[in-house]
Structures are given as structure tokens and as C-alpha cells.
């Protein structure tokens, strides 16, 4: 890959370390197909930006991958793993699809809302937790389940929720 001269948003938004991480993914695809790395690049940038993607970051990525801004927006808005607004330090994504629903995810959601005093899409006042409903996390056998801090938690009960929340370091 040739060295790029960075100007504009890429210069200010992407550190040398971030560019190296993005380039590592871009190099996995054929020359001229950098846009194929959009999903892993969005993950890298979201993690580096406190768990969410600003429009400026997505615009800079579009330029970096030589693709249209709208193409990056389409990917970022299609997948529930990408956040377009600031989130809490710990994002709780609760599956409410059919398997989890049949196994009690509605009750778990009610309990989470009560315990955290927030609704899906909201963040606790202390900025510690964001609660999100998602369609499927691909772990139906462990229903009901949630994803928090990149870790699956299955066969949820109120007691497991309490232990999970109480065990979080602020």
C-alpha cells in the first residue's frame, strides 16, 4: 500500500495507530477493494471513539476507503452493533427475538428497565449503562441472553442480572 498524504478530517480524526489498524484490515482485501473493510474499520473507529460513531468519523472513513459517505452510513445504520450517538461505558444489548422472547426476555427487559431506571435506547444518569433491544445475537440455545462489553451472558435470571450489574466497575 502506498503512503497516503492525509489532509482534512483524516488527519485530525485518525491517529497513526488507528490508520495502522485500518490499513491492516484493508490489506486483507484485493487492491482497489478497500471498501470491503468497512465493517471492521467501523468497529475499530467506534471503539476508539468511546463506543460510538460520529458523522465526521464516518465521513473520514468514507474518504479513507474511497467510498461514498452514504455507503458508510448505510452499513453503520443497518447493523445494531454500531452506535450513532454517545453510549454508556457498558452497553447492554438484550435479545428480544423469538427464542429469547419465548424464554422470558420480556421479563428480563422489564427488570433491567426497573433496575437501571432507563428504557431501551437510554443511558443511565451516571453514564455507566446504555440499554438496547436487539433482534438476534445468534445464541438462541442460551435464551434469554444479552451482550455486554463484548461478552455473552446466557440463561438470564433476575439474580444473574443483579450479579452482572453489581459486578461492573465504574
N, C-alpha and C. Protein backbone atom coordinates (compact mmCIF):
# COMPACT_ATOMS: atom_id res chain seq x y z
N UNK A 1 0.85 -1.17 0.00
CA UNK A 1 0.00 0.00 0.00
C UNK A 1 0.89 1.23 0.00
N UNK A 2 0.55 2.20 -0.85
CA UNK A 2 1.35 3.42 -0.93
C UNK A 2 1.02 4.33 0.24
N UNK A 3 1.98 5.14 0.63
CA UNK A 3 1.78 6.08 1.74
C UNK A 3 0.83 7.18 1.30
N UNK A 4 -0.19 7.43 2.12
CA UNK A 4 -1.16 8.47 1.81
C UNK A 4 -0.77 9.76 2.51
N UNK A 5 -0.96 10.88 1.83
CA UNK A 5 -0.80 12.18 2.46
C UNK A 5 -2.18 12.53 3.01
N UNK A 6 -2.26 12.66 4.33
CA UNK A 6 -3.55 12.89 4.97
C UNK A 6 -3.82 14.38 5.10
N UNK A 7 -5.03 14.73 4.72
CA UNK A 7 -5.49 16.11 4.88
C UNK A 7 -6.89 16.07 5.46
N UNK A 8 -7.38 17.21 5.86
CA UNK A 8 -8.76 17.31 6.33
C UNK A 8 -9.05 16.43 7.52
N UNK A 9 -10.27 15.84 7.54
CA UNK A 9 -10.71 15.08 8.71
C UNK A 9 -9.86 13.85 9.00
N UNK A 10 -9.28 13.25 7.98
CA UNK A 10 -8.45 12.06 8.24
C UNK A 10 -7.25 12.42 9.11
N UNK A 11 -6.67 13.59 8.88
CA UNK A 11 -5.50 14.00 9.64
C UNK A 11 -5.85 14.20 11.11
N UNK A 12 -7.00 14.79 11.38
CA UNK A 12 -7.33 15.11 12.77
C UNK A 12 -8.06 13.98 13.48
N UNK A 13 -8.77 13.12 12.75
CA UNK A 13 -9.57 12.08 13.39
C UNK A 13 -8.86 10.74 13.50
N UNK A 14 -7.95 10.46 12.60
CA UNK A 14 -7.29 9.16 12.60
C UNK A 14 -5.83 9.31 13.02
N UNK A 15 -5.52 8.78 14.17
CA UNK A 15 -4.14 8.79 14.63
C UNK A 15 -3.32 7.80 13.79
N UNK A 16 -2.03 7.87 13.93
CA UNK A 16 -1.16 6.94 13.22
C UNK A 16 -1.50 5.49 13.60
N UNK A 17 -1.77 5.28 14.88
CA UNK A 17 -2.12 3.95 15.37
C UNK A 17 -3.45 3.47 14.76
N UNK A 18 -4.42 4.35 14.67
CA UNK A 18 -5.70 3.98 14.05
C UNK A 18 -5.53 3.68 12.57
N UNK A 19 -4.75 4.51 11.88
CA UNK A 19 -4.50 4.26 10.45
C UNK A 19 -3.83 2.90 10.25
N UNK A 20 -2.91 2.54 11.13
CA UNK A 20 -2.24 1.24 11.03
C UNK A 20 -3.25 0.10 11.22
N UNK A 21 -4.16 0.26 12.16
CA UNK A 21 -5.19 -0.77 12.39
C UNK A 21 -6.13 -0.88 11.20
N UNK A 22 -6.53 0.26 10.64
CA UNK A 22 -7.39 0.25 9.46
C UNK A 22 -6.67 -0.38 8.28
N UNK A 23 -5.42 0.02 8.08
CA UNK A 23 -4.63 -0.50 6.95
C UNK A 23 -4.42 -2.01 7.04
N UNK A 24 -4.31 -2.52 8.25
CA UNK A 24 -4.16 -3.97 8.44
C UNK A 24 -5.37 -4.70 7.86
N UNK A 25 -6.56 -4.16 8.10
CA UNK A 25 -7.78 -4.77 7.55
C UNK A 25 -7.90 -4.54 6.05
N UNK A 26 -7.58 -3.36 5.60
CA UNK A 26 -7.67 -3.05 4.17
C UNK A 26 -6.76 -3.97 3.38
N UNK A 27 -5.59 -4.30 3.92
CA UNK A 27 -4.62 -5.15 3.24
C UNK A 27 -5.12 -6.58 3.04
N UNK A 28 -6.16 -6.98 3.75
CA UNK A 28 -6.70 -8.34 3.62
C UNK A 28 -7.54 -8.51 2.36
N UNK A 29 -7.84 -7.41 1.69
CA UNK A 29 -8.70 -7.44 0.51
C UNK A 29 -7.90 -7.08 -0.73
N UNK A 30 -8.38 -7.49 -1.91
CA UNK A 30 -7.65 -7.16 -3.14
C UNK A 30 -7.48 -5.65 -3.32
N UNK A 31 -6.43 -5.26 -4.00
CA UNK A 31 -6.17 -3.85 -4.29
C UNK A 31 -7.39 -3.28 -5.01
N UNK A 32 -7.79 -2.12 -4.57
CA UNK A 32 -8.96 -1.47 -5.16
C UNK A 32 -10.28 -1.86 -4.50
N UNK A 33 -10.22 -2.71 -3.50
CA UNK A 33 -11.43 -3.18 -2.81
C UNK A 33 -11.40 -2.79 -1.32
N UNK A 34 -10.83 -1.65 -1.03
CA UNK A 34 -10.71 -1.20 0.37
C UNK A 34 -12.06 -1.11 1.05
N UNK A 35 -13.11 -0.79 0.30
CA UNK A 35 -14.45 -0.66 0.89
C UNK A 35 -14.92 -1.97 1.53
N UNK A 36 -14.33 -3.08 1.16
CA UNK A 36 -14.69 -4.37 1.76
C UNK A 36 -14.35 -4.41 3.25
N UNK A 37 -13.47 -3.53 3.69
CA UNK A 37 -13.05 -3.50 5.09
C UNK A 37 -13.91 -2.55 5.92
N UNK A 38 -15.01 -2.07 5.39
CA UNK A 38 -15.80 -1.05 6.09
C UNK A 38 -16.27 -1.52 7.46
N UNK A 39 -16.75 -2.75 7.60
CA UNK A 39 -17.26 -3.21 8.89
C UNK A 39 -16.16 -3.28 9.95
N UNK A 40 -15.05 -3.97 9.70
CA UNK A 40 -14.01 -3.97 10.74
C UNK A 40 -13.46 -2.57 11.02
N UNK A 41 -13.40 -1.71 10.00
CA UNK A 41 -12.92 -0.35 10.23
C UNK A 41 -13.89 0.43 11.11
N UNK A 42 -15.19 0.25 10.89
CA UNK A 42 -16.18 0.90 11.76
C UNK A 42 -16.03 0.43 13.20
N UNK A 43 -15.80 -0.86 13.40
CA UNK A 43 -15.57 -1.38 14.76
C UNK A 43 -14.37 -0.70 15.42
N UNK A 44 -13.27 -0.62 14.69
CA UNK A 44 -12.05 -0.01 15.23
C UNK A 44 -12.30 1.44 15.62
N UNK A 45 -12.95 2.17 14.74
CA UNK A 45 -13.18 3.59 15.00
C UNK A 45 -14.19 3.82 16.11
N UNK A 46 -15.21 2.96 16.17
CA UNK A 46 -16.20 3.09 17.25
C UNK A 46 -15.54 2.86 18.61
N UNK A 47 -14.72 1.84 18.69
CA UNK A 47 -14.04 1.54 19.96
C UNK A 47 -13.11 2.69 20.36
N UNK A 48 -12.44 3.27 19.39
CA UNK A 48 -11.52 4.38 19.68
C UNK A 48 -12.25 5.66 20.05
N UNK A 49 -13.53 5.74 19.73
CA UNK A 49 -14.31 6.95 19.98
C UNK A 49 -15.30 6.78 21.13
N UNK A 50 -14.98 5.96 22.09
CA UNK A 50 -15.85 5.83 23.25
C UNK A 50 -17.14 5.07 22.99
N UNK A 51 -17.15 4.23 21.97
CA UNK A 51 -18.30 3.36 21.75
C UNK A 51 -19.33 3.86 20.76
N UNK A 52 -19.02 4.94 20.03
CA UNK A 52 -19.99 5.44 19.05
C UNK A 52 -19.27 6.08 17.87
N UNK A 53 -20.04 6.25 16.78
CA UNK A 53 -19.50 6.79 15.54
C UNK A 53 -20.14 8.14 15.24
N UNK A 54 -19.34 9.18 15.17
CA UNK A 54 -19.86 10.49 14.78
C UNK A 54 -19.94 10.55 13.26
N UNK A 55 -20.68 11.51 12.78
CA UNK A 55 -20.78 11.69 11.33
C UNK A 55 -19.41 12.04 10.74
N UNK A 56 -18.65 12.86 11.47
CA UNK A 56 -17.32 13.24 10.98
C UNK A 56 -16.41 12.02 10.84
N UNK A 57 -16.49 11.09 11.78
CA UNK A 57 -15.69 9.87 11.71
C UNK A 57 -16.12 9.02 10.51
N UNK A 58 -17.43 8.88 10.32
CA UNK A 58 -17.91 8.10 9.18
C UNK A 58 -17.53 8.75 7.86
N UNK A 59 -17.60 10.09 7.79
CA UNK A 59 -17.20 10.80 6.57
C UNK A 59 -15.72 10.60 6.29
N UNK A 60 -14.91 10.66 7.34
CA UNK A 60 -13.46 10.47 7.16
C UNK A 60 -13.16 9.04 6.71
N UNK A 61 -13.90 8.08 7.27
CA UNK A 61 -13.70 6.69 6.85
C UNK A 61 -14.09 6.51 5.39
N UNK A 62 -15.19 7.12 4.99
CA UNK A 62 -15.62 7.03 3.58
C UNK A 62 -14.50 7.53 2.66
N UNK A 63 -13.91 8.65 3.02
CA UNK A 63 -12.83 9.19 2.21
C UNK A 63 -11.62 8.25 2.24
N UNK A 64 -11.31 7.72 3.41
CA UNK A 64 -10.16 6.83 3.58
C UNK A 64 -10.31 5.56 2.74
N UNK A 65 -11.54 5.06 2.65
CA UNK A 65 -11.81 3.83 1.89
C UNK A 65 -12.22 4.09 0.44
N UNK A 66 -12.22 5.35 0.06
CA UNK A 66 -12.61 5.75 -1.30
C UNK A 66 -14.01 5.26 -1.65
N UNK A 67 -14.95 5.52 -0.75
CA UNK A 67 -16.34 5.15 -0.99
C UNK A 67 -17.22 6.33 -0.62
N UNK A 68 -18.46 6.29 -1.04
CA UNK A 68 -19.36 7.40 -0.76
C UNK A 68 -19.74 7.43 0.72
N UNK A 69 -20.00 8.63 1.21
CA UNK A 69 -20.43 8.77 2.60
C UNK A 69 -21.68 7.95 2.88
N UNK A 70 -22.63 8.01 1.95
CA UNK A 70 -23.90 7.30 2.16
C UNK A 70 -23.68 5.80 2.28
N UNK A 71 -22.70 5.25 1.60
CA UNK A 71 -22.42 3.81 1.70
C UNK A 71 -21.95 3.44 3.11
N UNK A 72 -21.16 4.30 3.72
CA UNK A 72 -20.72 4.05 5.10
C UNK A 72 -21.91 4.20 6.03
N UNK A 73 -22.74 5.23 5.83
CA UNK A 73 -23.93 5.42 6.67
C UNK A 73 -24.86 4.21 6.59
N UNK A 74 -25.01 3.68 5.38
CA UNK A 74 -25.91 2.52 5.20
C UNK A 74 -25.44 1.33 6.04
N UNK A 75 -24.16 1.07 6.05
CA UNK A 75 -23.62 -0.03 6.86
C UNK A 75 -23.80 0.27 8.34
N UNK A 76 -23.44 1.47 8.76
CA UNK A 76 -23.49 1.83 10.18
C UNK A 76 -24.92 1.83 10.72
N UNK A 77 -25.89 2.16 9.89
CA UNK A 77 -27.28 2.19 10.36
C UNK A 77 -27.96 0.84 10.23
N UNK A 78 -27.46 -0.04 9.39
CA UNK A 78 -28.08 -1.36 9.20
C UNK A 78 -27.81 -2.28 10.38
N UNK A 79 -26.59 -2.28 10.88
CA UNK A 79 -26.20 -3.21 11.93
C UNK A 79 -26.40 -2.61 13.32
N UNK A 80 -27.03 -3.37 14.21
CA UNK A 80 -27.31 -2.86 15.56
C UNK A 80 -26.06 -2.75 16.42
N UNK A 81 -24.93 -3.25 15.97
CA UNK A 81 -23.70 -3.18 16.76
C UNK A 81 -23.03 -1.81 16.66
N UNK A 82 -23.50 -0.98 15.74
CA UNK A 82 -22.91 0.35 15.60
C UNK A 82 -23.82 1.39 16.23
N UNK A 83 -23.20 2.32 16.94
CA UNK A 83 -23.94 3.37 17.65
C UNK A 83 -23.63 4.72 17.01
N UNK A 84 -24.67 5.50 16.78
CA UNK A 84 -24.51 6.79 16.14
C UNK A 84 -24.67 7.96 17.13
N UNK A 85 -24.81 7.63 18.39
CA UNK A 85 -24.87 8.62 19.46
C UNK A 85 -24.04 8.09 20.62
N UNK A 86 -23.60 8.98 21.49
CA UNK A 86 -22.81 8.51 22.64
C UNK A 86 -23.57 7.48 23.47
N UNK A 87 -22.83 6.52 24.00
CA UNK A 87 -23.40 5.46 24.82
C UNK A 87 -22.68 5.41 26.16
N UNK A 88 -23.27 4.66 27.09
CA UNK A 88 -22.66 4.49 28.40
C UNK A 88 -21.38 3.66 28.31
N UNK A 89 -20.68 3.63 29.39
CA UNK A 89 -19.43 2.87 29.46
C UNK A 89 -19.68 1.38 29.17
N UNK A 90 -20.85 0.89 29.59
CA UNK A 90 -21.22 -0.51 29.37
C UNK A 90 -22.54 -0.56 28.62
N UNK A 91 -22.49 -1.10 27.40
CA UNK A 91 -23.70 -1.21 26.59
C UNK A 91 -24.29 -2.60 26.78
N UNK A 92 -25.55 -2.64 27.20
CA UNK A 92 -26.26 -3.89 27.37
C UNK A 92 -27.20 -4.06 26.19
N UNK A 93 -26.94 -5.08 25.36
CA UNK A 93 -27.79 -5.38 24.22
C UNK A 93 -28.57 -6.65 24.53
N UNK A 94 -29.86 -6.49 24.80
CA UNK A 94 -30.71 -7.62 25.16
C UNK A 94 -31.44 -8.12 23.93
N UNK A 95 -31.31 -9.41 23.66
CA UNK A 95 -32.01 -10.03 22.54
C UNK A 95 -33.48 -10.19 22.92
N UNK A 96 -34.37 -9.73 22.02
CA UNK A 96 -35.81 -9.89 22.25
C UNK A 96 -36.46 -10.62 21.07
N UNK A 97 -35.67 -11.34 20.29
CA UNK A 97 -36.21 -12.11 19.18
C UNK A 97 -36.95 -13.33 19.72
N UNK A 98 -37.53 -14.11 18.84
CA UNK A 98 -38.50 -15.14 19.21
C UNK A 98 -37.99 -16.13 20.26
N UNK A 99 -36.81 -16.68 20.09
CA UNK A 99 -36.31 -17.68 21.06
C UNK A 99 -36.15 -17.05 22.44
N UNK A 100 -35.55 -15.88 22.48
CA UNK A 100 -35.36 -15.21 23.77
C UNK A 100 -36.70 -14.77 24.35
N UNK A 101 -37.60 -14.29 23.49
CA UNK A 101 -38.91 -13.86 23.97
C UNK A 101 -39.66 -15.03 24.60
N UNK A 102 -39.63 -16.19 23.94
CA UNK A 102 -40.33 -17.37 24.46
C UNK A 102 -39.72 -17.85 25.78
N UNK A 103 -38.47 -17.50 26.00
CA UNK A 103 -37.78 -17.93 27.23
C UNK A 103 -37.72 -16.84 28.29
N UNK A 104 -38.41 -15.72 28.09
CA UNK A 104 -38.52 -14.73 29.15
C UNK A 104 -37.80 -13.42 28.98
N UNK A 105 -37.39 -13.07 27.76
CA UNK A 105 -36.66 -11.80 27.59
C UNK A 105 -37.51 -10.58 27.92
N UNK A 106 -38.84 -10.69 27.76
CA UNK A 106 -39.70 -9.55 28.10
C UNK A 106 -39.61 -9.23 29.59
N UNK A 107 -39.61 -10.28 30.42
CA UNK A 107 -39.47 -10.08 31.87
C UNK A 107 -38.09 -9.55 32.23
N UNK A 108 -37.08 -10.04 31.52
CA UNK A 108 -35.71 -9.56 31.76
C UNK A 108 -35.61 -8.09 31.37
N UNK A 109 -36.23 -7.70 30.26
CA UNK A 109 -36.22 -6.31 29.84
C UNK A 109 -36.90 -5.43 30.89
N UNK A 110 -38.04 -5.85 31.36
CA UNK A 110 -38.74 -5.09 32.40
C UNK A 110 -37.86 -4.94 33.65
N UNK A 111 -37.19 -6.02 34.02
CA UNK A 111 -36.32 -5.97 35.20
C UNK A 111 -35.14 -5.03 34.98
N UNK A 112 -34.52 -5.10 33.82
CA UNK A 112 -33.40 -4.21 33.51
C UNK A 112 -33.85 -2.75 33.54
N UNK A 113 -35.02 -2.48 32.98
CA UNK A 113 -35.54 -1.11 32.98
C UNK A 113 -35.76 -0.61 34.42
N UNK A 114 -36.31 -1.50 35.25
CA UNK A 114 -36.55 -1.14 36.66
C UNK A 114 -35.22 -0.96 37.39
N UNK A 115 -34.33 -1.88 37.21
CA UNK A 115 -33.05 -1.86 37.93
C UNK A 115 -32.19 -0.66 37.54
N UNK A 116 -32.17 -0.34 36.25
CA UNK A 116 -31.33 0.75 35.77
C UNK A 116 -32.05 2.10 35.69
N UNK A 117 -33.39 2.06 35.80
CA UNK A 117 -34.22 3.27 35.70
C UNK A 117 -34.07 3.96 34.34
N UNK A 118 -33.97 3.14 33.30
CA UNK A 118 -33.91 3.64 31.92
C UNK A 118 -34.73 2.73 31.03
N UNK A 119 -35.03 3.21 29.84
CA UNK A 119 -35.72 2.43 28.82
C UNK A 119 -34.72 2.11 27.71
N UNK A 120 -35.06 1.17 26.83
CA UNK A 120 -34.16 0.90 25.70
C UNK A 120 -33.85 2.17 24.92
N UNK A 121 -32.58 2.32 24.58
CA UNK A 121 -32.13 3.50 23.86
C UNK A 121 -31.65 4.61 24.78
N UNK A 122 -31.75 4.40 26.08
CA UNK A 122 -31.35 5.43 27.04
C UNK A 122 -30.08 5.00 27.79
N UNK A 123 -29.46 5.99 28.40
CA UNK A 123 -28.24 5.78 29.19
C UNK A 123 -28.50 6.27 30.61
N UNK A 124 -27.96 5.54 31.58
CA UNK A 124 -28.13 5.94 32.98
C UNK A 124 -27.52 7.31 33.22
N UNK A 125 -28.04 8.00 34.21
CA UNK A 125 -27.58 9.37 34.52
C UNK A 125 -26.08 9.43 34.80
N UNK A 126 -25.53 8.36 35.37
CA UNK A 126 -24.09 8.34 35.67
C UNK A 126 -23.23 7.96 34.47
N UNK A 127 -23.90 7.69 33.32
CA UNK A 127 -23.17 7.34 32.10
C UNK A 127 -22.58 5.95 32.10
N UNK A 128 -23.00 5.13 33.04
CA UNK A 128 -22.41 3.80 33.18
C UNK A 128 -23.03 2.77 32.22
N UNK A 129 -24.36 2.81 32.05
CA UNK A 129 -25.03 1.78 31.24
C UNK A 129 -25.91 2.40 30.15
N UNK A 130 -25.91 1.78 29.00
CA UNK A 130 -26.88 2.04 27.94
C UNK A 130 -27.60 0.73 27.70
N UNK A 131 -28.92 0.79 27.61
CA UNK A 131 -29.74 -0.39 27.38
C UNK A 131 -30.26 -0.36 25.94
N UNK A 132 -30.14 -1.50 25.28
CA UNK A 132 -30.55 -1.59 23.89
C UNK A 132 -31.25 -2.92 23.64
N UNK A 133 -32.36 -2.88 22.91
CA UNK A 133 -33.03 -4.09 22.46
C UNK A 133 -32.47 -4.44 21.09
N UNK A 134 -32.13 -5.70 20.87
CA UNK A 134 -31.64 -6.14 19.57
C UNK A 134 -32.43 -7.36 19.12
N UNK A 135 -32.44 -7.58 17.83
CA UNK A 135 -33.24 -8.65 17.25
C UNK A 135 -32.68 -10.04 17.48
N UNK A 136 -31.41 -10.24 17.23
CA UNK A 136 -30.84 -11.58 17.40
C UNK A 136 -29.33 -11.46 17.56
N UNK A 137 -28.81 -12.20 18.52
CA UNK A 137 -27.37 -12.24 18.73
C UNK A 137 -26.79 -13.63 18.43
N UNK A 138 -27.63 -14.49 17.87
CA UNK A 138 -27.16 -15.79 17.42
C UNK A 138 -26.80 -16.76 18.52
N UNK A 139 -27.44 -16.64 19.67
CA UNK A 139 -27.17 -17.56 20.78
C UNK A 139 -28.48 -18.08 21.35
N UNK A 140 -29.35 -18.51 20.46
CA UNK A 140 -30.70 -18.93 20.84
C UNK A 140 -30.71 -20.05 21.86
N UNK A 141 -29.73 -20.91 21.82
CA UNK A 141 -29.68 -22.04 22.75
C UNK A 141 -29.56 -21.58 24.20
N UNK A 142 -29.01 -20.38 24.43
CA UNK A 142 -28.83 -19.87 25.78
C UNK A 142 -29.87 -18.82 26.17
N UNK A 143 -30.99 -18.82 25.48
CA UNK A 143 -32.03 -17.81 25.70
C UNK A 143 -32.63 -17.90 27.10
N UNK A 144 -33.00 -16.73 27.64
CA UNK A 144 -32.76 -15.38 27.15
C UNK A 144 -31.31 -14.97 27.41
N UNK A 145 -30.82 -14.08 26.55
CA UNK A 145 -29.41 -13.71 26.64
C UNK A 145 -29.20 -12.24 26.29
N UNK A 146 -28.02 -11.76 26.66
CA UNK A 146 -27.63 -10.39 26.32
C UNK A 146 -26.14 -10.35 26.04
N UNK A 147 -25.74 -9.26 25.43
CA UNK A 147 -24.34 -8.99 25.15
C UNK A 147 -23.96 -7.73 25.92
N UNK A 148 -22.90 -7.83 26.72
CA UNK A 148 -22.39 -6.65 27.43
C UNK A 148 -20.87 -6.69 27.38
N UNK A 149 -20.31 -5.59 26.94
CA UNK A 149 -18.85 -5.48 26.86
C UNK A 149 -18.22 -6.63 26.07
N UNK A 150 -18.84 -6.94 24.94
CA UNK A 150 -18.35 -7.97 24.01
C UNK A 150 -18.40 -9.38 24.60
N UNK A 151 -19.20 -9.57 25.62
CA UNK A 151 -19.31 -10.89 26.25
C UNK A 151 -20.78 -11.29 26.34
N UNK A 152 -21.06 -12.53 25.93
CA UNK A 152 -22.42 -13.06 26.01
C UNK A 152 -22.73 -13.52 27.43
N UNK A 153 -23.96 -13.29 27.84
CA UNK A 153 -24.47 -13.76 29.12
C UNK A 153 -25.79 -14.46 28.81
N UNK A 154 -25.85 -15.75 29.12
CA UNK A 154 -26.99 -16.58 28.72
C UNK A 154 -27.78 -17.08 29.91
N UNK A 155 -28.94 -17.67 29.58
CA UNK A 155 -29.86 -18.23 30.59
C UNK A 155 -30.12 -17.21 31.69
N UNK A 156 -30.49 -16.00 31.29
CA UNK A 156 -30.63 -14.90 32.23
C UNK A 156 -31.76 -15.09 33.22
N UNK A 157 -31.49 -14.65 34.44
CA UNK A 157 -32.48 -14.57 35.51
C UNK A 157 -32.28 -13.21 36.18
N UNK A 158 -33.19 -12.84 37.04
CA UNK A 158 -33.03 -11.58 37.78
C UNK A 158 -31.76 -11.62 38.61
N UNK A 159 -31.46 -12.76 39.18
CA UNK A 159 -30.26 -12.90 40.00
C UNK A 159 -28.99 -12.73 39.16
N UNK A 160 -28.99 -13.28 37.96
CA UNK A 160 -27.83 -13.12 37.08
C UNK A 160 -27.68 -11.66 36.64
N UNK A 161 -28.80 -10.99 36.39
CA UNK A 161 -28.75 -9.58 36.04
C UNK A 161 -28.16 -8.78 37.19
N UNK A 162 -28.64 -9.05 38.41
CA UNK A 162 -28.11 -8.33 39.59
C UNK A 162 -26.60 -8.55 39.73
N UNK A 163 -26.16 -9.77 39.58
CA UNK A 163 -24.73 -10.07 39.72
C UNK A 163 -23.92 -9.37 38.62
N UNK A 164 -24.46 -9.34 37.43
CA UNK A 164 -23.79 -8.68 36.30
C UNK A 164 -23.65 -7.18 36.54
N UNK A 165 -24.74 -6.55 36.91
CA UNK A 165 -24.72 -5.10 37.14
C UNK A 165 -23.88 -4.75 38.37
N UNK A 166 -24.04 -5.51 39.44
CA UNK A 166 -23.28 -5.24 40.66
C UNK A 166 -21.78 -5.49 40.48
N UNK A 167 -21.43 -6.34 39.53
CA UNK A 167 -20.03 -6.68 39.31
C UNK A 167 -19.28 -5.72 38.40
N UNK A 168 -19.99 -4.75 37.87
CA UNK A 168 -19.35 -3.80 36.95
C UNK A 168 -18.56 -2.76 37.72
N UNK A 169 -17.37 -2.52 37.24
CA UNK A 169 -16.52 -1.47 37.83
C UNK A 169 -16.86 -0.16 37.12
N UNK A 170 -17.04 0.91 37.85
CA UNK A 170 -17.38 2.21 37.23
C UNK A 170 -16.20 2.85 36.54
